[in-house]
C-alpha atoms as a PDB file:
ATOM      1  CA  MET A   1      97.951-137.029 262.907  1.00  0.00           C
ATOM      2  CA  ILE A   2      98.702-136.058 259.350  1.00  0.00           C
ATOM      3  CA  SER A   3      98.892-139.229 257.044  1.00  0.00           C
ATOM      4  CA  SER A   4     101.844-140.071 254.913  1.00  0.00           C
ATOM      5  CA  GLU A   5      99.604-139.423 251.880  1.00  0.00           C
ATOM      6  CA  ARG A   6      98.960-135.818 253.010  1.00  0.00           C
ATOM      7  CA  ARG A   7     102.596-135.240 253.847  1.00  0.00           C
ATOM      8  CA  GLU A   8     103.475-136.377 250.301  1.00  0.00           C
ATOM      9  CA  ASN A   9     100.922-134.139 248.793  1.00  0.00           C
ATOM     10  CA  ALA A  10     101.763-131.054 250.990  1.00  0.00           C
ATOM     11  CA  ILE A  11     102.924-127.975 248.997  1.00  0.00           C
ATOM     12  CA  SER A  12     106.102-126.390 250.518  1.00  0.00           C
ATOM     13  CA  THR A  13     106.868-122.847 249.409  1.00  0.00           C
ATOM     14  CA  LYS A  14     109.978-120.623 249.477  1.00  0.00           C
ATOM     15  CA  LEU A  15     109.932-117.022 248.592  1.00  0.00           C
ATOM     16  CA  VAL A  16     112.259-116.220 245.768  1.00  0.00           C
ATOM     17  CA  SER A  17     113.958-113.086 244.255  1.00  0.00           C
ATOM     18  CA  PRO A  18     112.550-111.402 241.211  1.00  0.00           C
ATOM     19  CA  SER A  19     115.854-112.262 239.477  1.00  0.00           C
ATOM     20  CA  ALA A  20     114.866-115.804 239.563  1.00  0.00           C
ATOM     21  CA  VAL A  21     111.794-115.255 237.437  1.00  0.00           C
ATOM     22  CA  SER A  22     113.456-112.857 235.034  1.00  0.00           C
ATOM     23  CA  ALA A  23     116.130-115.727 234.120  1.00  0.00           C
ATOM     24  CA  GLU A  24     113.495-118.219 233.113  1.00  0.00           C
ATOM     25  CA  PRO A  25     109.976-116.370 232.626  1.00  0.00           C
ATOM     26  CA  SER A  26     108.413-119.184 230.519  1.00  0.00           C
ATOM     27  CA  LYS A  27     108.757-121.639 233.414  1.00  0.00           C
ATOM     28  CA  THR A  28     106.703-119.428 235.676  1.00  0.00           C
ATOM     29  CA  ASN A  29     103.104-120.371 236.358  1.00  0.00           C
ATOM     30  CA  ASP A  30     103.393-123.515 234.069  1.00  0.00           C
ATOM     31  CA  TYR A  31     100.693-125.510 235.580  1.00  0.00           C
ATOM     32  CA  ASN A  32     100.778-128.108 232.734  1.00  0.00           C
ATOM     33  CA  SER A  33     104.171-129.232 234.037  1.00  0.00           C
ATOM     34  CA  PHE A  34     102.942-130.052 237.356  1.00  0.00           C
ATOM     35  CA  ALA A  35      99.233-130.546 236.951  1.00  0.00           C
ATOM     36  CA  GLU A  36      99.013-134.013 238.639  1.00  0.00           C
ATOM     37  CA  ALA A  37     101.026-133.052 241.572  1.00  0.00           C
ATOM     38  CA  TYR A  38      99.181-129.882 242.363  1.00  0.00           C
ATOM     39  CA  ALA A  39      95.715-131.600 241.793  1.00  0.00           C
ATOM     40  CA  ALA A  40      96.646-134.234 244.211  1.00  0.00           C
ATOM     41  CA  ALA A  41      97.653-131.648 246.888  1.00  0.00           C
ATOM     42  CA  ASN A  42      94.558-129.625 246.254  1.00  0.00           C
ATOM     43  CA  GLU A  43      92.375-132.634 247.214  1.00  0.00           C
ATOM     44  CA  THR A  44      93.550-133.108 250.618  1.00  0.00           C
ATOM     45  CA  ASN A  45      95.639-130.316 251.937  1.00  0.00           C
ATOM     46  CA  LEU A  46      94.713-127.935 254.765  1.00  0.00           C
ATOM     47  CA  VAL A  47      94.645-124.753 252.809  1.00  0.00           C
ATOM     48  CA  ASN A  48      92.646-125.837 249.802  1.00  0.00           C
ATOM     49  CA  ALA A  49      90.567-128.777 250.993  1.00  0.00           C
ATOM     50  CA  TYR A  50      89.853-127.548 254.558  1.00  0.00           C
ATOM     51  CA  TYR A  51      89.991-123.886 254.328  1.00  0.00           C
ATOM     52  CA  GLU A  52      89.617-122.153 250.860  1.00  0.00           C
ATOM     53  CA  ARG A  53      87.090-124.451 249.170  1.00  0.00           C
ATOM     54  CA  PRO A  54      84.715-124.953 252.185  1.00  0.00           C
ATOM     55  CA  ALA A  55      84.647-121.143 252.523  1.00  0.00           C
ATOM     56  CA  MET A  56      83.713-120.867 248.900  1.00  0.00           C
ATOM     57  CA  LEU A  57      81.014-123.343 249.107  1.00  0.00           C
ATOM     58  CA  ALA A  58      79.646-121.595 252.270  1.00  0.00           C
ATOM     59  CA  LEU A  59      79.480-118.318 250.603  1.00  0.00           C
ATOM     60  CA  ALA A  60      77.875-119.708 247.482  1.00  0.00           C
ATOM     61  CA  GLY A  61      75.110-121.298 249.643  1.00  0.00           C
ATOM     62  CA  ASP A  62      72.129-123.088 248.121  1.00  0.00           C
ATOM     63  CA  VAL A  63      73.014-123.311 244.448  1.00  0.00           C
ATOM     64  CA  ALA A  64      70.456-125.861 243.263  1.00  0.00           C
ATOM     65  CA  GLY A  65      69.346-125.037 239.770  1.00  0.00           C
ATOM     66  CA  ARG A  66      71.721-122.096 239.320  1.00  0.00           C
ATOM     67  CA  ARG A  67      73.997-121.581 236.297  1.00  0.00           C
ATOM     68  CA  ILE A  68      77.523-121.161 237.496  1.00  0.00           C
ATOM     69  CA  LEU A  69      80.860-120.397 235.751  1.00  0.00           C
ATOM     70  CA  ASP A  70      83.816-121.768 237.523  1.00  0.00           C
ATOM     71  CA  ALA A  71      86.506-119.267 236.258  1.00  0.00           C
ATOM     72  CA  GLY A  72      89.998-120.933 236.457  1.00  0.00           C
ATOM     73  CA  CYS A  73      88.428-124.229 237.379  1.00  0.00           C
ATOM     74  CA  GLY A  74      91.731-126.134 237.443  1.00  0.00           C
ATOM     75  CA  SER A  75      91.293-129.834 237.983  1.00  0.00           C
ATOM     76  CA  GLY A  76      87.514-129.460 238.848  1.00  0.00           C
ATOM     77  CA  ALA A  77      87.201-129.932 242.677  1.00  0.00           C
ATOM     78  CA  LEU A  78      85.012-126.841 243.070  1.00  0.00           C
ATOM     79  CA  PHE A  79      83.143-127.526 239.983  1.00  0.00           C
ATOM     80  CA  ALA A  80      82.498-131.052 241.117  1.00  0.00           C
ATOM     81  CA  ALA A  81      81.308-129.773 244.593  1.00  0.00           C
ATOM     82  CA  LEU A  82      78.859-127.129 242.983  1.00  0.00           C
ATOM     83  CA  ARG A  83      77.511-129.682 240.624  1.00  0.00           C
ATOM     84  CA  ASP A  84      76.941-132.173 243.431  1.00  0.00           C
ATOM     85  CA  ARG A  85      74.852-129.453 245.073  1.00  0.00           C
ATOM     86  CA  GLY A  86      72.614-129.292 242.095  1.00  0.00           C
ATOM     87  CA  ALA A  87      74.152-126.325 240.108  1.00  0.00           C
ATOM     88  CA  VAL A  88      74.439-126.304 236.257  1.00  0.00           C
ATOM     89  CA  VAL A  89      78.269-125.681 236.024  1.00  0.00           C
ATOM     90  CA  SER A  90      80.549-124.601 233.234  1.00  0.00           C
ATOM     91  CA  GLY A  91      84.274-124.025 233.716  1.00  0.00           C
ATOM     92  CA  PHE A  92      87.348-122.700 231.982  1.00  0.00           C
ATOM     93  CA  ASP A  93      91.137-122.549 232.640  1.00  0.00           C
ATOM     94  CA  THR A  94      94.255-121.593 230.909  1.00  0.00           C
ATOM     95  CA  SER A  95      95.939-124.811 231.566  1.00  0.00           C
ATOM     96  CA  ALA A  96      95.047-127.675 229.140  1.00  0.00           C
ATOM     97  CA  GLY A  97      96.670-130.047 231.643  1.00  0.00           C
ATOM     98  CA  MET A  98      94.403-129.096 234.357  1.00  0.00           C
ATOM     99  CA  LEU A  99      91.390-129.290 232.212  1.00  0.00           C
ATOM    100  CA  GLU A 100      92.255-132.797 231.222  1.00  0.00           C
ATOM    101  CA  LEU A 101      92.344-133.924 234.957  1.00  0.00           C
ATOM    102  CA  ALA A 102      88.978-132.044 235.328  1.00  0.00           C
ATOM    103  CA  ARG A 103      87.423-133.945 232.416  1.00  0.00           C
ATOM    104  CA  ARG A 104      88.604-137.285 233.899  1.00  0.00           C
ATOM    105  CA  ARG A 105      86.912-136.313 237.182  1.00  0.00           C
ATOM    106  CA  LEU A 106      83.763-134.733 235.614  1.00  0.00           C
ATOM    107  CA  GLY A 107      83.145-136.868 232.563  1.00  0.00           C
ATOM    108  CA  ASP A 108      83.263-136.056 228.798  1.00  0.00           C
ATOM    109  CA  GLY A 109      79.841-134.236 229.068  1.00  0.00           C
ATOM    110  CA  ALA A 110      81.064-131.467 231.431  1.00  0.00           C
ATOM    111  CA  ASP A 111      81.303-127.966 229.823  1.00  0.00           C
ATOM    112  CA  LEU A 112      85.027-127.283 229.960  1.00  0.00           C
ATOM    113  CA  GLN A 113      86.934-125.010 227.738  1.00  0.00           C
ATOM    114  CA  VAL A 114      90.514-123.591 227.507  1.00  0.00           C
ATOM    115  CA  ALA A 115      90.283-119.820 227.817  1.00  0.00           C
ATOM    116  CA  ASN A 116      92.274-117.033 229.539  1.00  0.00           C
ATOM    117  CA  LEU A 117      90.800-114.803 232.284  1.00  0.00           C
ATOM    118  CA  GLY A 118      91.343-111.362 230.974  1.00  0.00           C
ATOM    119  CA  SER A 119      90.656-111.987 227.482  1.00  0.00           C
ATOM    120  CA  PRO A 120      87.160-112.432 225.682  1.00  0.00           C
ATOM    121  CA  LEU A 121      85.352-115.376 227.058  1.00  0.00           C
ATOM    122  CA  PRO A 122      83.345-117.878 225.001  1.00  0.00           C
ATOM    123  CA  TYR A 123      80.108-117.329 226.614  1.00  0.00           C
ATOM    124  CA  ALA A 124      77.100-115.070 225.684  1.00  0.00           C
ATOM    125  CA  ASP A 125      75.950-112.167 227.706  1.00  0.00           C
ATOM    126  CA  ASP A 126      73.896-112.564 230.785  1.00  0.00           C
ATOM    127  CA  THR A 127      74.401-116.313 230.775  1.00  0.00           C
ATOM    128  CA  PHE A 128      75.243-117.260 234.453  1.00  0.00           C
ATOM    129  CA  ASP A 129      73.599-116.658 237.901  1.00  0.00           C
ATOM    130  CA  ASP A 130      76.935-116.941 239.593  1.00  0.00           C
ATOM    131  CA  VAL A 131      80.666-116.763 238.714  1.00  0.00           C
ATOM    132  CA  THR A 132      83.113-118.515 241.121  1.00  0.00           C
ATOM    133  CA  ALA A 133      86.680-117.139 240.954  1.00  0.00           C
ATOM    134  CA  SER A 134      88.772-119.375 243.347  1.00  0.00           C
ATOM    135  CA  LEU A 135      92.242-118.148 243.930  1.00  0.00           C
ATOM    136  CA  VAL A 136      92.555-116.838 240.198  1.00  0.00           C
ATOM    137  CA  LEU A 137      92.355-113.133 240.137  1.00  0.00           C
ATOM    138  CA  HIS A 138      95.598-112.581 241.832  1.00  0.00           C
ATOM    139  CA  TYR A 139      97.438-113.991 238.763  1.00  0.00           C
ATOM    140  CA  LEU A 140      96.604-110.768 236.929  1.00  0.00           C
ATOM    141  CA  GLU A 141      98.300-107.529 237.189  1.00  0.00           C
ATOM    142  CA  ASP A 142      95.314-105.551 235.739  1.00  0.00           C
ATOM    143  CA  TRP A 143      91.816-106.838 237.029  1.00  0.00           C
ATOM    144  CA  GLY A 144      89.841-104.410 234.657  1.00  0.00           C
ATOM    145  CA  PRO A 145      89.511-106.676 231.567  1.00  0.00           C
ATOM    146  CA  ALA A 146      88.806-109.863 233.555  1.00  0.00           C
ATOM    147  CA  LEU A 147      86.115-108.217 235.716  1.00  0.00           C
ATOM    148  CA  ALA A 148      84.542-106.574 232.843  1.00  0.00           C
ATOM    149  CA  GLU A 149      84.220-110.110 231.120  1.00  0.00           C
ATOM    150  CA  LEU A 150      82.784-111.704 234.172  1.00  0.00           C
ATOM    151  CA  ARG A 151      80.272-108.922 234.583  1.00  0.00           C
ATOM    152  CA  ARG A 152      79.308-109.423 231.028  1.00  0.00           C
ATOM    153  CA  VAL A 153      78.467-113.071 231.260  1.00  0.00           C
ATOM    154  CA  LEU A 154      76.563-112.643 234.660  1.00  0.00           C
ATOM    155  CA  ARG A 155      72.842-111.807 234.500  1.00  0.00           C
ATOM    156  CA  PRO A 156      71.812-108.444 236.117  1.00  0.00           C
ATOM    157  CA  GLY A 157      71.714-109.348 239.950  1.00  0.00           C
ATOM    158  CA  GLY A 158      74.092-112.229 239.488  1.00  0.00           C
ATOM    159  CA  ARG A 159      76.990-112.950 241.966  1.00  0.00           C
ATOM    160  CA  LEU A 160      80.649-113.013 241.654  1.00  0.00           C
ATOM    161  CA  ILE A 161      82.140-115.193 244.386  1.00  0.00           C
ATOM    162  CA  ALA A 162      85.954-114.716 244.560  1.00  0.00           C
ATOM    163  CA  SER A 163      88.916-115.501 246.719  1.00  0.00           C
ATOM    164  CA  VAL A 164      92.365-114.053 246.517  1.00  0.00           C
ATOM    165  CA  ASP A 165      95.611-114.023 248.506  1.00  0.00           C
ATOM    166  CA  HIS A 166      95.107-111.802 251.653  1.00  0.00           C
ATOM    167  CA  PRO A 167      97.083-108.728 251.118  1.00  0.00           C
ATOM    168  CA  PHE A 168      98.163-108.477 254.718  1.00  0.00           C
ATOM    169  CA  ALA A 169      99.449-111.935 254.734  1.00  0.00           C
ATOM    170  CA  ILE A 170     101.471-111.396 251.602  1.00  0.00           C
ATOM    171  CA  ASN A 171     103.016-108.211 253.130  1.00  0.00           C
ATOM    172  CA  LEU A 172     103.855-110.142 256.347  1.00  0.00           C
ATOM    173  CA  ILE A 173     105.566-112.880 254.387  1.00  0.00           C
ATOM    174  CA  HIS A 174     107.889-110.280 252.878  1.00  0.00           C
ATOM    175  CA  ARG A 175     108.477-108.359 256.015  1.00  0.00           C
ATOM    176  CA  GLU A 176     109.444-111.794 257.828  1.00  0.00           C
ATOM    177  CA  ALA A 177     111.845-112.444 255.139  1.00  0.00           C
ATOM    178  CA  GLY A 178     113.469-109.074 255.374  1.00  0.00           C
ATOM    179  CA  ARG A 179     112.208-107.932 251.927  1.00  0.00           C
ATOM    180  CA  GLU A 180     109.699-105.244 252.849  1.00  0.00           C
ATOM    181  CA  ALA A 181     111.710-102.745 250.921  1.00  0.00           C
ATOM    182  CA  GLU A 182     110.632-104.514 247.645  1.00  0.00           C
ATOM    183  CA  HIS A 183     107.062-104.996 248.600  1.00  0.00           C
ATOM    184  CA  ASN A 184     105.284-101.794 249.716  1.00  0.00           C
ATOM    185  CA  TYR A 185     101.757-102.780 250.825  1.00  0.00           C
ATOM    186  CA  PHE A 186     100.282 -99.875 248.989  1.00  0.00           C
ATOM    187  CA  ASP A 187     101.696-100.855 245.615  1.00  0.00           C
ATOM    188  CA  THR A 188     100.480-103.512 243.183  1.00  0.00           C
ATOM    189  CA  THR A 189     103.493-105.798 243.318  1.00  0.00           C
ATOM    190  CA  LYS A 190     104.526-109.007 241.513  1.00  0.00           C
ATOM    191  CA  TRP A 191     105.930-111.703 243.838  1.00  0.00           C
ATOM    192  CA  THR A 192     107.110-115.187 243.367  1.00  0.00           C
ATOM    193  CA  VAL A 193     107.420-118.416 245.305  1.00  0.00           C
ATOM    194  CA  GLU A 194     109.091-121.869 244.601  1.00  0.00           C
ATOM    195  CA  TRP A 195     106.564-124.577 245.068  1.00  0.00           C
ATOM    196  CA  THR A 196     107.787-128.185 245.817  1.00  0.00           C
ATOM    197  CA  ILE A 197     104.975-130.669 245.476  1.00  0.00           C
ATOM    198  CA  GLY A 198     105.402-134.508 245.266  1.00  0.00           C
ATOM    199  CA  GLY A 199     108.836-134.148 243.973  1.00  0.00           C
ATOM    200  CA  HIS A 200     108.044-131.475 241.441  1.00  0.00           C
ATOM    201  CA  THR A 201     109.329-127.908 241.772  1.00  0.00           C
ATOM    202  CA  ALA A 202     107.881-124.965 240.030  1.00  0.00           C
ATOM    203  CA  LEU A 203     107.890-121.111 240.048  1.00  0.00           C
ATOM    204  CA  VAL A 204     104.535-119.513 240.749  1.00  0.00           C
ATOM    205  CA  SER A 205     104.192-115.747 240.488  1.00  0.00           C
ATOM    206  CA  ARG A 206     101.141-113.657 241.432  1.00  0.00           C
ATOM    207  CA  TRP A 207     100.110-109.985 241.920  1.00  0.00           C
ATOM    208  CA  ASN A 208      99.537-108.577 245.419  1.00  0.00           C
ATOM    209  CA  ARG A 209      97.385-105.481 245.674  1.00  0.00           C
ATOM    210  CA  PRO A 210      96.087-103.482 248.713  1.00  0.00           C
ATOM    211  CA  LEU A 211      92.505-103.844 249.768  1.00  0.00           C
ATOM    212  CA  HIS A 212      91.394-100.476 248.600  1.00  0.00           C
ATOM    213  CA  ALA A 213      92.639-101.343 245.067  1.00  0.00           C
ATOM    214  CA  MET A 214      90.720-104.586 244.976  1.00  0.00           C
ATOM    215  CA  ILE A 215      87.492-102.610 246.122  1.00  0.00           C
ATOM    216  CA  GLU A 216      88.033 -99.891 243.441  1.00  0.00           C
ATOM    217  CA  ALA A 217      88.417-102.562 240.756  1.00  0.00           C
ATOM    218  CA  PHE A 218      85.247-104.379 241.791  1.00  0.00           C
ATOM    219  CA  ILE A 219      83.295-101.127 242.004  1.00  0.00           C
ATOM    220  CA  GLY A 220      84.612 -99.756 238.669  1.00  0.00           C
ATOM    221  CA  ALA A 221      83.602-103.031 237.046  1.00  0.00           C
ATOM    222  CA  GLY A 222      80.026-102.642 238.114  1.00  0.00           C
ATOM    223  CA  PHE A 223      79.844-104.733 241.142  1.00  0.00           C
ATOM    224  CA  ARG A 224      78.528-104.133 244.622  1.00  0.00           C
ATOM    225  CA  ILE A 225      80.282-105.710 247.514  1.00  0.00           C
ATOM    226  CA  THR A 226      77.756-107.648 249.660  1.00  0.00           C
ATOM    227  CA  VAL A 227      80.174-109.807 251.732  1.00  0.00           C
ATOM    228  CA  ILE A 228      83.917-109.566 252.774  1.00  0.00           C
ATOM    229  CA  SER A 229      84.963-112.615 254.727  1.00  0.00           C
ATOM    230  CA  GLU A 230      88.048-113.842 256.664  1.00  0.00           C
ATOM    231  CA  PRO A 231      86.748-117.325 257.705  1.00  0.00           C
ATOM    232  CA  GLU A 232      88.074-119.999 260.005  1.00  0.00           C
ATOM    233  CA  PRO A 233      89.108-123.328 258.472  1.00  0.00           C
ATOM    234  CA  ASP A 234      86.505-126.107 258.477  1.00  0.00           C
ATOM    235  CA  PRO A 235      85.930-127.719 261.791  1.00  0.00           C
ATOM    236  CA  ALA A 236      87.254-131.041 260.492  1.00  0.00           C
ATOM    237  CA  ALA A 237      90.721-129.498 259.966  1.00  0.00           C
ATOM    238  CA  ARG A 238      91.149-129.556 263.820  1.00  0.00           C
ATOM    239  CA  GLU A 239      91.177-133.355 263.692  1.00  0.00           C
ATOM    240  CA  MET A 240      92.868-133.842 260.394  1.00  0.00           C
ATOM    241  CA  PHE A 241      95.717-131.234 260.994  1.00  0.00           C
ATOM    242  CA  PRO A 242      95.976-130.684 264.899  1.00  0.00           C
ATOM    243  CA  GLU A 243      99.504-129.390 264.841  1.00  0.00           C
ATOM    244  CA  ALA A 244      98.970-126.986 262.141  1.00  0.00           C
ATOM    245  CA  ILE A 245      95.619-125.615 263.633  1.00  0.00           C
ATOM    246  CA  ALA A 246      97.325-125.278 267.108  1.00  0.00           C
ATOM    247  CA  ALA A 247     100.154-123.296 265.605  1.00  0.00           C
ATOM    248  CA  LYS A 248      97.890-121.060 263.633  1.00  0.00           C
ATOM    249  CA  PRO A 249      94.337-121.255 264.980  1.00  0.00           C
ATOM    250  CA  ARG A 250      93.199-118.338 262.975  1.00  0.00           C
ATOM    251  CA  PHE A 251      94.051-118.267 259.223  1.00  0.00           C
ATOM    252  CA  LEU A 252      94.695-115.028 257.355  1.00  0.00           C
ATOM    253  CA  CYS A 253      95.793-116.762 254.024  1.00  0.00           C
ATOM    254  CA  PHE A 254      92.822-115.708 251.799  1.00  0.00           C
ATOM    255  CA  LEU A 255      90.524-112.859 251.491  1.00  0.00           C
ATOM    256  CA  PHE A 256      86.833-113.766 250.184  1.00  0.00           C
ATOM    257  CA  PHE A 257      84.186-111.553 248.386  1.00  0.00           C
ATOM    258  CA  VAL A 258      80.664-111.942 247.354  1.00  0.00           C
ATOM    259  CA  LEU A 259      79.722-109.249 244.736  1.00  0.00           C
ATOM    260  CA  GLN A 260      76.537-108.490 243.020  1.00  0.00           C
ATOM    261  CA  ALA A 261      76.506-107.335 239.488  1.00  0.00           C
ATOM    262  CA  ASP A 262      74.417-104.122 239.323  1.00  0.00           C
END
């Protein structure tokens, strides 16, 4: 059974038209305005807590002693899990509100900074053994500058472990809504949903791109793909969310990569 707390923290989504975004662009992706609600949902919901985050940790493997940059660290859930496994972790996010929540969780000594992925990052060359980019690249139209910076701060042979919206899943969402004409799979397309979380409503826009465009961007930035993963949810999800798992036993929400810096 799903507890009342999990129902309260669930994120409901509704696809919205591009005109809704153009009317009030400043209100899109304003994580500061719903940081508390999003962080609470991220802690316990099926998609983040029992699917995406376990998959990222499994791909990271044994991280004891490794220097890791958590790009787009949000409220620090992945940062904390990596640190608990013995990694030396730094993190940045564009949202000061999310970083405040991360600092509450991680302590004042945590290396957390406000920075924008795609802009110059406040880290020296060859600093990190790994970079985790958990559900963050798809907020960017152009991956080039972001991947170049992540490659710069990685040591040669270091890893970029990334998760993004699965392009097939996003294409299917638009097809089921009868909006395939505005969302060609082979284009890089901006799309927007309305999230409702704990009584808060917000517009969230992301960029969907076909698989071949992702691969070209990674290779062009000097990465070699070592793993492409489409995992199942954590086994505990079957007990925690039996109805959801029964309705969708195989997930196609996100696509995961492990890339090595050449």
